[in-house]
Amino acid sequence: MLQEQFGLNGTSVSSYGGKEGFLTTKADGKFSFPRLSKGLKLFVAHPSGYVEESVERGGDNLKLRLKPWATLTGTLVYSNGTAAANVPLDLAIDYNWQRGDPIMHIQGKIVTDAQGNFLFTNVPPRHIQVNRMQTSGFGGGYSSIQQTWLDVSPGVTNELGKVTYDTPPPAPMIDQIKQKLGL
């Protein structure tokens, strides 16, 4: 990481998102984690931004450039155009567990207002799903039902406009082709 750009000297970082693998960056902003046998991707979240990078290409001195967090807004409506009020929503990141993609959970959960409006802040600039949270069973469990998806632009407000309840758009064409080919 570039100290002069982001001032990350003495910043605490964790290789697992918790106390495990916890360390502090050096005076020059550099850090190093032990190599994991199945590590595929590095996720970096910092107050000034976010980046993810494939580590399959590996090597020392990997330089990362944080992209600024984004904001995501929209209005959830039913198919008849009326506001979908008080609907719990969350964000999700796609992953392919069969391929071994790492899973990262975004803890941003909100509820639409009386007019169906929603606002997410600190959204990572990448492909994101907006999901409706449906309670399931006892103990506070829930399922996520996709409402829409988008490729989030960094550092700006991404305006979705009206999102129709339980009517997500089709997946990107490239993803549809990959699915048909079994990739």
N, C-alpha and C. Protein backbone atom coordinates (compact mmCIF):
# COMPACT_ATOMS: atom_id res chain seq x y z
N MET A 1 0.85 -1.16 0.00
CA MET A 1 0.00 0.00 0.00
C MET A 1 0.89 1.23 0.00
N LEU A 2 0.42 2.29 -0.57
CA LEU A 2 1.22 3.48 -0.70
C LEU A 2 0.96 4.43 0.46
N GLN A 3 1.93 4.59 1.32
CA GLN A 3 1.77 5.45 2.48
C GLN A 3 1.50 6.88 2.06
N GLU A 4 2.25 7.39 1.09
CA GLU A 4 2.11 8.78 0.72
C GLU A 4 0.72 9.09 0.16
N GLN A 5 0.05 8.10 -0.39
CA GLN A 5 -1.26 8.34 -0.96
C GLN A 5 -2.37 8.22 0.07
N PHE A 6 -2.28 7.27 0.95
CA PHE A 6 -3.38 7.01 1.86
C PHE A 6 -3.02 7.13 3.33
N GLY A 7 -1.74 7.38 3.64
CA GLY A 7 -1.35 7.55 5.03
C GLY A 7 -1.63 6.33 5.88
N LEU A 8 -1.24 5.15 5.41
CA LEU A 8 -1.58 3.93 6.11
C LEU A 8 -0.48 3.45 7.06
N ASN A 9 0.50 4.29 7.35
CA ASN A 9 1.51 3.86 8.31
C ASN A 9 0.87 3.72 9.68
N GLY A 10 1.18 2.62 10.35
CA GLY A 10 0.62 2.37 11.68
C GLY A 10 -0.84 1.99 11.69
N THR A 11 -1.39 1.61 10.54
CA THR A 11 -2.80 1.22 10.45
C THR A 11 -2.95 -0.25 10.81
N SER A 12 -3.97 -0.58 11.57
CA SER A 12 -4.24 -1.97 11.95
C SER A 12 -4.93 -2.68 10.80
N VAL A 13 -4.45 -3.87 10.46
CA VAL A 13 -5.06 -4.68 9.42
C VAL A 13 -5.21 -6.11 9.92
N SER A 14 -6.16 -6.83 9.34
CA SER A 14 -6.42 -8.21 9.74
C SER A 14 -6.57 -9.07 8.51
N SER A 15 -5.99 -10.26 8.54
CA SER A 15 -6.10 -11.16 7.39
C SER A 15 -7.41 -11.92 7.38
N TYR A 16 -8.17 -11.90 8.46
CA TYR A 16 -9.41 -12.67 8.51
C TYR A 16 -10.62 -11.84 8.90
N GLY A 17 -10.49 -10.54 9.07
CA GLY A 17 -11.61 -9.70 9.45
C GLY A 17 -11.89 -9.69 10.94
N GLY A 18 -11.09 -10.35 11.72
CA GLY A 18 -11.28 -10.40 13.17
C GLY A 18 -9.94 -10.24 13.86
N LYS A 19 -9.81 -10.78 15.05
CA LYS A 19 -8.56 -10.66 15.81
C LYS A 19 -7.47 -11.58 15.27
N GLU A 20 -7.87 -12.67 14.58
CA GLU A 20 -6.89 -13.58 14.02
C GLU A 20 -6.14 -12.86 12.90
N GLY A 21 -4.87 -13.09 12.80
CA GLY A 21 -4.09 -12.50 11.72
C GLY A 21 -3.98 -11.00 11.83
N PHE A 22 -4.09 -10.45 13.02
CA PHE A 22 -4.10 -9.01 13.25
C PHE A 22 -2.67 -8.48 13.28
N LEU A 23 -2.39 -7.39 12.55
CA LEU A 23 -1.08 -6.77 12.58
C LEU A 23 -1.20 -5.28 12.28
N THR A 24 -0.09 -4.57 12.40
CA THR A 24 -0.06 -3.13 12.14
C THR A 24 0.92 -2.86 11.01
N THR A 25 0.54 -1.96 10.09
CA THR A 25 1.41 -1.64 8.97
C THR A 25 2.68 -0.95 9.45
N LYS A 26 3.73 -1.08 8.65
CA LYS A 26 5.02 -0.47 8.98
C LYS A 26 4.97 1.03 8.70
N ALA A 27 6.04 1.72 9.04
CA ALA A 27 6.11 3.18 8.85
C ALA A 27 5.90 3.58 7.39
N ASP A 28 6.29 2.70 6.45
CA ASP A 28 6.12 3.02 5.04
C ASP A 28 4.76 2.58 4.50
N GLY A 29 3.88 2.06 5.38
CA GLY A 29 2.55 1.64 4.97
C GLY A 29 2.48 0.21 4.47
N LYS A 30 3.59 -0.50 4.46
CA LYS A 30 3.62 -1.87 3.93
C LYS A 30 3.21 -2.86 5.01
N PHE A 31 2.69 -4.00 4.55
CA PHE A 31 2.33 -5.08 5.45
C PHE A 31 2.46 -6.39 4.69
N SER A 32 2.47 -7.49 5.43
CA SER A 32 2.59 -8.80 4.81
C SER A 32 1.82 -9.81 5.65
N PHE A 33 1.02 -10.62 4.98
CA PHE A 33 0.31 -11.71 5.64
C PHE A 33 0.94 -13.02 5.20
N PRO A 34 0.89 -14.05 6.07
CA PRO A 34 1.36 -15.36 5.62
C PRO A 34 0.49 -15.84 4.46
N ARG A 35 1.12 -16.50 3.51
CA ARG A 35 0.39 -17.01 2.35
C ARG A 35 -0.54 -18.14 2.79
N LEU A 36 -1.79 -18.07 2.34
CA LEU A 36 -2.74 -19.14 2.60
C LEU A 36 -2.70 -20.11 1.43
N SER A 37 -2.84 -21.40 1.71
CA SER A 37 -2.73 -22.40 0.64
C SER A 37 -3.81 -22.22 -0.42
N LYS A 38 -4.98 -21.72 -0.05
CA LYS A 38 -6.05 -21.58 -1.03
C LYS A 38 -6.48 -20.13 -1.18
N GLY A 39 -5.62 -19.19 -0.84
CA GLY A 39 -5.98 -17.79 -0.96
C GLY A 39 -6.10 -17.37 -2.42
N LEU A 40 -7.23 -16.76 -2.78
CA LEU A 40 -7.45 -16.33 -4.14
C LEU A 40 -7.56 -14.83 -4.29
N LYS A 41 -8.06 -14.16 -3.26
CA LYS A 41 -8.39 -12.75 -3.40
C LYS A 41 -8.11 -12.01 -2.11
N LEU A 42 -7.64 -10.79 -2.27
CA LEU A 42 -7.39 -9.91 -1.13
C LEU A 42 -8.45 -8.81 -1.16
N PHE A 43 -9.16 -8.63 -0.05
CA PHE A 43 -10.14 -7.56 0.11
C PHE A 43 -9.55 -6.55 1.08
N VAL A 44 -9.59 -5.28 0.73
CA VAL A 44 -9.12 -4.23 1.63
C VAL A 44 -10.23 -3.22 1.81
N ALA A 45 -10.63 -3.02 3.06
CA ALA A 45 -11.63 -2.01 3.40
C ALA A 45 -10.98 -1.03 4.36
N HIS A 46 -11.05 0.25 4.03
CA HIS A 46 -10.43 1.31 4.82
C HIS A 46 -11.42 2.48 4.82
N PRO A 47 -11.40 3.34 5.81
CA PRO A 47 -12.34 4.47 5.80
C PRO A 47 -12.30 5.29 4.50
N SER A 48 -11.16 5.33 3.82
CA SER A 48 -11.07 6.12 2.59
C SER A 48 -11.44 5.35 1.33
N GLY A 49 -11.67 4.03 1.43
CA GLY A 49 -12.06 3.30 0.23
C GLY A 49 -11.92 1.80 0.34
N TYR A 50 -12.01 1.15 -0.80
CA TYR A 50 -12.10 -0.30 -0.89
C TYR A 50 -11.36 -0.75 -2.14
N VAL A 51 -10.78 -1.92 -2.07
CA VAL A 51 -10.21 -2.54 -3.26
C VAL A 51 -10.19 -4.05 -3.03
N GLU A 52 -10.30 -4.78 -4.12
CA GLU A 52 -10.07 -6.23 -4.07
C GLU A 52 -9.14 -6.56 -5.22
N GLU A 53 -8.28 -7.52 -4.96
CA GLU A 53 -7.26 -7.87 -5.95
C GLU A 53 -7.03 -9.36 -5.92
N SER A 54 -6.91 -9.95 -7.09
CA SER A 54 -6.56 -11.36 -7.18
C SER A 54 -5.13 -11.53 -6.69
N VAL A 55 -4.90 -12.53 -5.85
CA VAL A 55 -3.55 -12.81 -5.39
C VAL A 55 -2.99 -14.04 -6.08
N GLU A 56 -3.73 -14.56 -7.05
CA GLU A 56 -3.23 -15.72 -7.80
C GLU A 56 -1.97 -15.36 -8.56
N ARG A 57 -1.90 -14.12 -9.03
CA ARG A 57 -0.68 -13.70 -9.73
C ARG A 57 0.45 -13.49 -8.75
N GLY A 58 0.07 -13.31 -7.48
CA GLY A 58 1.01 -13.31 -6.36
C GLY A 58 2.14 -12.31 -6.48
N GLY A 59 3.22 -12.65 -5.83
CA GLY A 59 4.39 -11.80 -5.86
C GLY A 59 4.43 -10.83 -4.70
N ASP A 60 5.63 -10.38 -4.42
CA ASP A 60 5.82 -9.37 -3.38
C ASP A 60 5.54 -8.00 -3.98
N ASN A 61 5.40 -7.04 -3.11
CA ASN A 61 5.23 -5.65 -3.51
C ASN A 61 3.97 -5.41 -4.34
N LEU A 62 2.92 -6.09 -4.02
CA LEU A 62 1.63 -5.86 -4.66
C LEU A 62 1.15 -4.48 -4.23
N LYS A 63 0.88 -3.60 -5.18
CA LYS A 63 0.44 -2.25 -4.85
C LYS A 63 -1.06 -2.16 -5.10
N LEU A 64 -1.75 -1.61 -4.13
CA LEU A 64 -3.20 -1.51 -4.20
C LEU A 64 -3.61 -0.05 -4.23
N ARG A 65 -4.62 0.26 -5.01
CA ARG A 65 -5.19 1.61 -5.05
C ARG A 65 -6.64 1.50 -4.60
N LEU A 66 -6.93 2.15 -3.50
CA LEU A 66 -8.29 2.14 -2.99
C LEU A 66 -9.20 2.96 -3.89
N LYS A 67 -10.41 2.44 -4.12
CA LYS A 67 -11.44 3.20 -4.82
C LYS A 67 -12.38 3.74 -3.76
N PRO A 68 -12.85 4.98 -3.90
CA PRO A 68 -13.72 5.55 -2.87
C PRO A 68 -15.03 4.79 -2.75
N TRP A 69 -15.54 4.73 -1.53
CA TRP A 69 -16.84 4.11 -1.28
C TRP A 69 -17.91 4.85 -2.08
N ALA A 70 -19.00 4.17 -2.35
CA ALA A 70 -20.11 4.76 -3.10
C ALA A 70 -21.35 4.81 -2.23
N THR A 71 -22.35 5.49 -2.75
CA THR A 71 -23.67 5.54 -2.14
C THR A 71 -24.64 4.95 -3.15
N LEU A 72 -25.66 4.27 -2.66
CA LEU A 72 -26.65 3.62 -3.51
C LEU A 72 -28.04 4.02 -3.04
N THR A 73 -28.85 4.58 -3.95
CA THR A 73 -30.21 4.98 -3.60
C THR A 73 -31.20 4.44 -4.62
N GLY A 74 -32.44 4.36 -4.21
CA GLY A 74 -33.51 3.93 -5.10
C GLY A 74 -34.83 3.91 -4.37
N THR A 75 -35.86 3.47 -5.08
CA THR A 75 -37.20 3.36 -4.52
C THR A 75 -37.75 2.00 -4.86
N LEU A 76 -38.11 1.23 -3.85
CA LEU A 76 -38.70 -0.09 -4.05
C LEU A 76 -40.21 0.08 -4.20
N VAL A 77 -40.75 -0.42 -5.32
CA VAL A 77 -42.19 -0.32 -5.58
C VAL A 77 -42.75 -1.69 -5.94
N TYR A 78 -44.04 -1.86 -5.66
CA TYR A 78 -44.73 -3.07 -6.09
C TYR A 78 -45.05 -2.96 -7.58
N SER A 79 -45.46 -4.06 -8.20
CA SER A 79 -45.72 -4.06 -9.64
C SER A 79 -46.81 -3.07 -10.05
N ASN A 80 -47.69 -2.69 -9.11
CA ASN A 80 -48.73 -1.70 -9.43
C ASN A 80 -48.24 -0.27 -9.24
N GLY A 81 -46.96 -0.09 -8.90
CA GLY A 81 -46.36 1.23 -8.76
C GLY A 81 -46.42 1.84 -7.38
N THR A 82 -47.10 1.19 -6.43
CA THR A 82 -47.18 1.74 -5.08
C THR A 82 -45.89 1.44 -4.31
N ALA A 83 -45.61 2.30 -3.34
CA ALA A 83 -44.38 2.18 -2.56
C ALA A 83 -44.36 0.91 -1.73
N ALA A 84 -43.22 0.25 -1.70
CA ALA A 84 -43.00 -0.92 -0.84
C ALA A 84 -42.35 -0.40 0.44
N ALA A 85 -43.19 -0.04 1.41
CA ALA A 85 -42.72 0.58 2.65
C ALA A 85 -42.29 -0.46 3.67
N ASN A 86 -41.32 -0.07 4.50
CA ASN A 86 -40.86 -0.89 5.63
C ASN A 86 -40.36 -2.28 5.23
N VAL A 87 -39.71 -2.36 4.09
CA VAL A 87 -39.17 -3.63 3.60
C VAL A 87 -37.68 -3.68 3.94
N PRO A 88 -37.23 -4.71 4.67
CA PRO A 88 -35.80 -4.83 4.98
C PRO A 88 -35.01 -5.25 3.74
N LEU A 89 -33.91 -4.54 3.50
CA LEU A 89 -33.04 -4.81 2.35
C LEU A 89 -31.61 -4.99 2.84
N ASP A 90 -30.83 -5.75 2.08
CA ASP A 90 -29.40 -5.84 2.34
C ASP A 90 -28.67 -5.90 1.01
N LEU A 91 -27.36 -5.84 1.08
CA LEU A 91 -26.51 -5.93 -0.10
C LEU A 91 -25.74 -7.24 -0.05
N ALA A 92 -25.44 -7.78 -1.21
CA ALA A 92 -24.67 -9.03 -1.28
C ALA A 92 -23.68 -8.95 -2.44
N ILE A 93 -22.62 -9.68 -2.28
CA ILE A 93 -21.59 -9.80 -3.31
C ILE A 93 -21.69 -11.20 -3.89
N ASP A 94 -21.71 -11.27 -5.23
CA ASP A 94 -21.74 -12.57 -5.89
C ASP A 94 -20.46 -13.34 -5.61
N TYR A 95 -20.58 -14.62 -5.52
CA TYR A 95 -19.41 -15.48 -5.42
C TYR A 95 -19.80 -16.84 -5.99
N ASN A 96 -18.80 -17.56 -6.46
CA ASN A 96 -19.00 -18.90 -7.00
C ASN A 96 -18.27 -19.86 -6.07
N TRP A 97 -18.99 -20.43 -5.13
CA TRP A 97 -18.36 -21.31 -4.14
C TRP A 97 -17.81 -22.57 -4.79
N GLN A 98 -18.38 -23.00 -5.92
CA GLN A 98 -17.87 -24.20 -6.59
C GLN A 98 -16.48 -23.95 -7.17
N ARG A 99 -16.21 -22.70 -7.55
CA ARG A 99 -14.91 -22.34 -8.08
C ARG A 99 -13.92 -22.03 -6.96
N GLY A 100 -14.44 -21.84 -5.75
CA GLY A 100 -13.58 -21.53 -4.62
C GLY A 100 -13.47 -20.06 -4.32
N ASP A 101 -14.39 -19.25 -4.89
CA ASP A 101 -14.36 -17.81 -4.61
C ASP A 101 -14.51 -17.56 -3.12
N PRO A 102 -13.80 -16.57 -2.60
CA PRO A 102 -13.99 -16.21 -1.20
C PRO A 102 -15.36 -15.55 -1.00
N ILE A 103 -15.88 -15.70 0.18
CA ILE A 103 -17.18 -15.10 0.51
C ILE A 103 -16.92 -13.91 1.42
N MET A 104 -17.52 -12.79 1.06
CA MET A 104 -17.43 -11.61 1.91
C MET A 104 -18.85 -11.10 2.13
N HIS A 105 -19.22 -10.93 3.38
CA HIS A 105 -20.55 -10.44 3.71
C HIS A 105 -20.48 -8.94 3.98
N ILE A 106 -21.44 -8.22 3.41
CA ILE A 106 -21.57 -6.79 3.69
C ILE A 106 -22.64 -6.67 4.76
N GLN A 107 -22.33 -5.97 5.82
CA GLN A 107 -23.26 -5.89 6.94
C GLN A 107 -24.22 -4.71 6.83
N GLY A 108 -24.45 -4.21 5.63
CA GLY A 108 -25.37 -3.08 5.45
C GLY A 108 -26.80 -3.54 5.30
N LYS A 109 -27.58 -3.39 6.33
CA LYS A 109 -29.00 -3.76 6.29
C LYS A 109 -29.81 -2.52 6.60
N ILE A 110 -30.80 -2.24 5.77
CA ILE A 110 -31.63 -1.05 5.96
C ILE A 110 -33.10 -1.45 5.77
N VAL A 111 -34.00 -0.52 6.04
CA VAL A 111 -35.44 -0.72 5.83
C VAL A 111 -35.94 0.45 4.99
N THR A 112 -36.75 0.16 3.96
CA THR A 112 -37.29 1.24 3.13
C THR A 112 -38.19 2.14 3.97
N ASP A 113 -38.26 3.42 3.58
CA ASP A 113 -39.12 4.35 4.32
C ASP A 113 -40.57 4.23 3.83
N ALA A 114 -41.43 5.10 4.28
CA ALA A 114 -42.87 5.04 3.95
C ALA A 114 -43.12 5.19 2.45
N GLN A 115 -42.19 5.83 1.73
CA GLN A 115 -42.34 5.99 0.27
C GLN A 115 -41.56 4.93 -0.51
N GLY A 116 -40.98 3.95 0.19
CA GLY A 116 -40.21 2.89 -0.46
C GLY A 116 -38.77 3.27 -0.76
N ASN A 117 -38.35 4.45 -0.35
CA ASN A 117 -36.98 4.91 -0.62
C ASN A 117 -35.98 4.15 0.24
N PHE A 118 -34.79 3.95 -0.33
CA PHE A 118 -33.71 3.33 0.43
C PHE A 118 -32.40 4.03 0.11
N LEU A 119 -31.47 3.94 1.04
CA LEU A 119 -30.15 4.56 0.91
C LEU A 119 -29.13 3.67 1.60
N PHE A 120 -28.13 3.25 0.84
CA PHE A 120 -26.98 2.53 1.39
C PHE A 120 -25.76 3.43 1.24
N THR A 121 -24.95 3.51 2.28
CA THR A 121 -23.69 4.25 2.21
C THR A 121 -22.55 3.26 2.37
N ASN A 122 -21.35 3.71 2.07
CA ASN A 122 -20.15 2.86 2.17
C ASN A 122 -20.31 1.56 1.38
N VAL A 123 -20.77 1.69 0.14
CA VAL A 123 -20.96 0.54 -0.73
C VAL A 123 -19.67 0.31 -1.51
N PRO A 124 -19.15 -0.93 -1.54
CA PRO A 124 -17.93 -1.18 -2.30
C PRO A 124 -18.18 -1.02 -3.80
N PRO A 125 -17.23 -0.42 -4.52
CA PRO A 125 -17.37 -0.23 -5.96
C PRO A 125 -17.09 -1.52 -6.72
N ARG A 126 -18.13 -2.30 -6.93
CA ARG A 126 -18.03 -3.61 -7.59
C ARG A 126 -19.43 -4.08 -7.93
N HIS A 127 -19.57 -5.29 -8.45
CA HIS A 127 -20.88 -5.86 -8.74
C HIS A 127 -21.58 -6.18 -7.42
N ILE A 128 -22.79 -5.66 -7.25
CA ILE A 128 -23.55 -5.79 -6.00
C ILE A 128 -24.97 -6.22 -6.30
N GLN A 129 -25.54 -7.01 -5.42
CA GLN A 129 -26.97 -7.35 -5.47
C GLN A 129 -27.68 -6.62 -4.34
N VAL A 130 -28.86 -6.08 -4.65
CA VAL A 130 -29.74 -5.54 -3.62
C VAL A 130 -30.79 -6.61 -3.37
N ASN A 131 -30.90 -7.06 -2.13
CA ASN A 131 -31.79 -8.16 -1.78
C ASN A 131 -32.84 -7.74 -0.77
N ARG A 132 -34.00 -8.37 -0.88
CA ARG A 132 -35.04 -8.24 0.14
C ARG A 132 -34.79 -9.34 1.16
N MET A 133 -34.87 -8.98 2.43
CA MET A 133 -34.64 -9.96 3.49
C MET A 133 -35.98 -10.56 3.91
N GLN A 134 -36.11 -11.86 3.75
CA GLN A 134 -37.33 -12.59 4.10
C GLN A 134 -37.03 -13.44 5.33
N THR A 135 -37.74 -13.18 6.44
CA THR A 135 -37.50 -13.98 7.64
C THR A 135 -37.88 -15.42 7.37
N SER A 136 -37.12 -16.31 7.99
CA SER A 136 -37.39 -17.74 7.79
C SER A 136 -37.12 -18.48 9.10
N GLY A 137 -38.12 -19.17 9.55
CA GLY A 137 -37.97 -20.00 10.74
C GLY A 137 -37.82 -19.20 12.01
N PHE A 138 -37.34 -19.87 13.02
CA PHE A 138 -37.15 -19.27 14.33
C PHE A 138 -35.71 -18.80 14.49
N GLY A 139 -35.48 -17.97 15.46
CA GLY A 139 -34.12 -17.56 15.81
C GLY A 139 -33.57 -16.42 14.98
N GLY A 140 -34.39 -15.72 14.22
CA GLY A 140 -33.92 -14.55 13.49
C GLY A 140 -33.26 -14.83 12.16
N GLY A 141 -33.37 -16.05 11.65
CA GLY A 141 -32.79 -16.36 10.35
C GLY A 141 -33.55 -15.68 9.22
N TYR A 142 -32.90 -15.55 8.09
CA TYR A 142 -33.57 -14.96 6.94
C TYR A 142 -32.97 -15.48 5.64
N SER A 143 -33.73 -15.32 4.58
CA SER A 143 -33.28 -15.62 3.23
C SER A 143 -33.20 -14.30 2.48
N SER A 144 -32.35 -14.24 1.49
CA SER A 144 -32.23 -13.04 0.66
C SER A 144 -32.86 -13.31 -0.69
N ILE A 145 -33.72 -12.39 -1.12
CA ILE A 145 -34.40 -12.51 -2.41
C ILE A 145 -33.95 -11.32 -3.26
N GLN A 146 -33.25 -11.63 -4.35
CA GLN A 146 -32.68 -10.56 -5.17
C GLN A 146 -33.77 -9.65 -5.72
N GLN A 147 -33.52 -8.33 -5.61
CA GLN A 147 -34.42 -7.33 -6.16
C GLN A 147 -33.82 -6.69 -7.41
N THR A 148 -32.52 -6.46 -7.39
CA THR A 148 -31.82 -5.93 -8.55
C THR A 148 -30.32 -6.12 -8.35
N TRP A 149 -29.55 -5.77 -9.35
CA TRP A 149 -28.09 -5.82 -9.27
C TRP A 149 -27.54 -4.63 -10.03
N LEU A 150 -26.30 -4.31 -9.77
CA LEU A 150 -25.64 -3.25 -10.52
C LEU A 150 -24.14 -3.34 -10.32
N ASP A 151 -23.42 -2.71 -11.24
CA ASP A 151 -21.98 -2.51 -11.09
C ASP A 151 -21.82 -1.11 -10.53
N VAL A 152 -21.42 -1.03 -9.27
CA VAL A 152 -21.37 0.22 -8.54
C VAL A 152 -20.18 1.07 -9.00
N SER A 153 -20.45 2.32 -9.33
CA SER A 153 -19.40 3.28 -9.68
C SER A 153 -18.82 3.87 -8.40
N PRO A 154 -17.49 3.97 -8.31
CA PRO A 154 -16.87 4.45 -7.07
C PRO A 154 -17.03 5.95 -6.85
N GLY A 155 -17.17 6.33 -5.58
CA GLY A 155 -17.12 7.72 -5.19
C GLY A 155 -18.30 8.59 -5.55
N VAL A 156 -19.39 8.00 -6.03
CA VAL A 156 -20.56 8.78 -6.43
C VAL A 156 -21.82 8.14 -5.87
N THR A 157 -22.94 8.84 -6.03
CA THR A 157 -24.24 8.26 -5.69
C THR A 157 -24.75 7.51 -6.91
N ASN A 158 -24.99 6.22 -6.75
CA ASN A 158 -25.53 5.37 -7.81
C ASN A 158 -27.03 5.34 -7.62
N GLU A 159 -27.77 5.99 -8.53
CA GLU A 159 -29.22 6.11 -8.43
C GLU A 159 -29.88 5.00 -9.24
N LEU A 160 -30.61 4.12 -8.55
CA LEU A 160 -31.28 3.01 -9.22
C LEU A 160 -32.66 3.38 -9.75
N GLY A 161 -33.23 4.47 -9.28
CA GLY A 161 -34.60 4.81 -9.68
C GLY A 161 -35.57 3.84 -9.04
N LYS A 162 -36.61 3.46 -9.79
CA LYS A 162 -37.61 2.53 -9.25
C LYS A 162 -37.16 1.09 -9.46
N VAL A 163 -37.21 0.33 -8.39
CA VAL A 163 -36.87 -1.10 -8.40
C VAL A 163 -38.16 -1.84 -8.08
N THR A 164 -38.59 -2.72 -8.99
CA THR A 164 -39.85 -3.44 -8.80
C THR A 164 -39.65 -4.65 -7.89
N TYR A 165 -40.45 -4.70 -6.85
CA TYR A 165 -40.44 -5.73 -5.81
C TYR A 165 -40.43 -7.13 -6.42
N ASP A 166 -39.46 -7.95 -6.04
CA ASP A 166 -39.32 -9.34 -6.46
C ASP A 166 -39.31 -9.54 -7.98
N THR A 167 -38.83 -8.55 -8.72
CA THR A 167 -38.73 -8.66 -10.18
C THR A 167 -37.34 -8.21 -10.62
N PRO A 168 -36.31 -9.01 -10.32
CA PRO A 168 -34.95 -8.57 -10.69
C PRO A 168 -34.74 -8.62 -12.20
N PRO A 169 -33.84 -7.78 -12.70
CA PRO A 169 -33.50 -7.85 -14.12
C PRO A 169 -32.73 -9.13 -14.41
N PRO A 170 -32.66 -9.54 -15.67
CA PRO A 170 -31.86 -10.73 -15.98
C PRO A 170 -30.39 -10.48 -15.66
N ALA A 171 -29.68 -11.56 -15.44
CA ALA A 171 -28.24 -11.47 -15.17
C ALA A 171 -27.55 -10.88 -16.40
N PRO A 172 -26.35 -10.30 -16.22
CA PRO A 172 -25.60 -9.81 -17.38
C PRO A 172 -25.41 -10.94 -18.40
N MET A 173 -25.41 -10.58 -19.67
CA MET A 173 -25.33 -11.57 -20.74
C MET A 173 -24.11 -12.48 -20.58
N ILE A 174 -22.98 -11.93 -20.20
CA ILE A 174 -21.77 -12.75 -20.04
C ILE A 174 -21.98 -13.82 -18.97
N ASP A 175 -22.67 -13.48 -17.90
CA ASP A 175 -22.95 -14.45 -16.84
C ASP A 175 -23.91 -15.53 -17.34
N GLN A 176 -24.88 -15.15 -18.16
CA GLN A 176 -25.81 -16.13 -18.72
C GLN A 176 -25.08 -17.11 -19.63
N ILE A 177 -24.15 -16.60 -20.43
CA ILE A 177 -23.37 -17.47 -21.32
C ILE A 177 -22.49 -18.41 -20.51
N LYS A 178 -21.81 -17.88 -19.49
CA LYS A 178 -20.96 -18.72 -18.64
C LYS A 178 -21.78 -19.83 -17.98
N GLN A 179 -22.98 -19.50 -17.53
CA GLN A 179 -23.82 -20.51 -16.88
C GLN A 179 -24.20 -21.60 -17.87
N LYS A 180 -24.55 -21.23 -19.10
CA LYS A 180 -24.91 -22.23 -20.10
C LYS A 180 -23.73 -23.13 -20.46
N LEU A 181 -22.52 -22.56 -20.40
CA LEU A 181 -21.32 -23.33 -20.71
C LEU A 181 -20.78 -24.09 -19.51
N GLY A 182 -21.38 -23.87 -18.35
CA GLY A 182 -20.93 -24.55 -17.14
C GLY A 182 -19.65 -23.99 -16.56
N LEU A 183 -19.39 -22.73 -16.83
CA LEU A 183 -18.16 -22.09 -16.32
C LEU A 183 -18.40 -21.39 -15.01
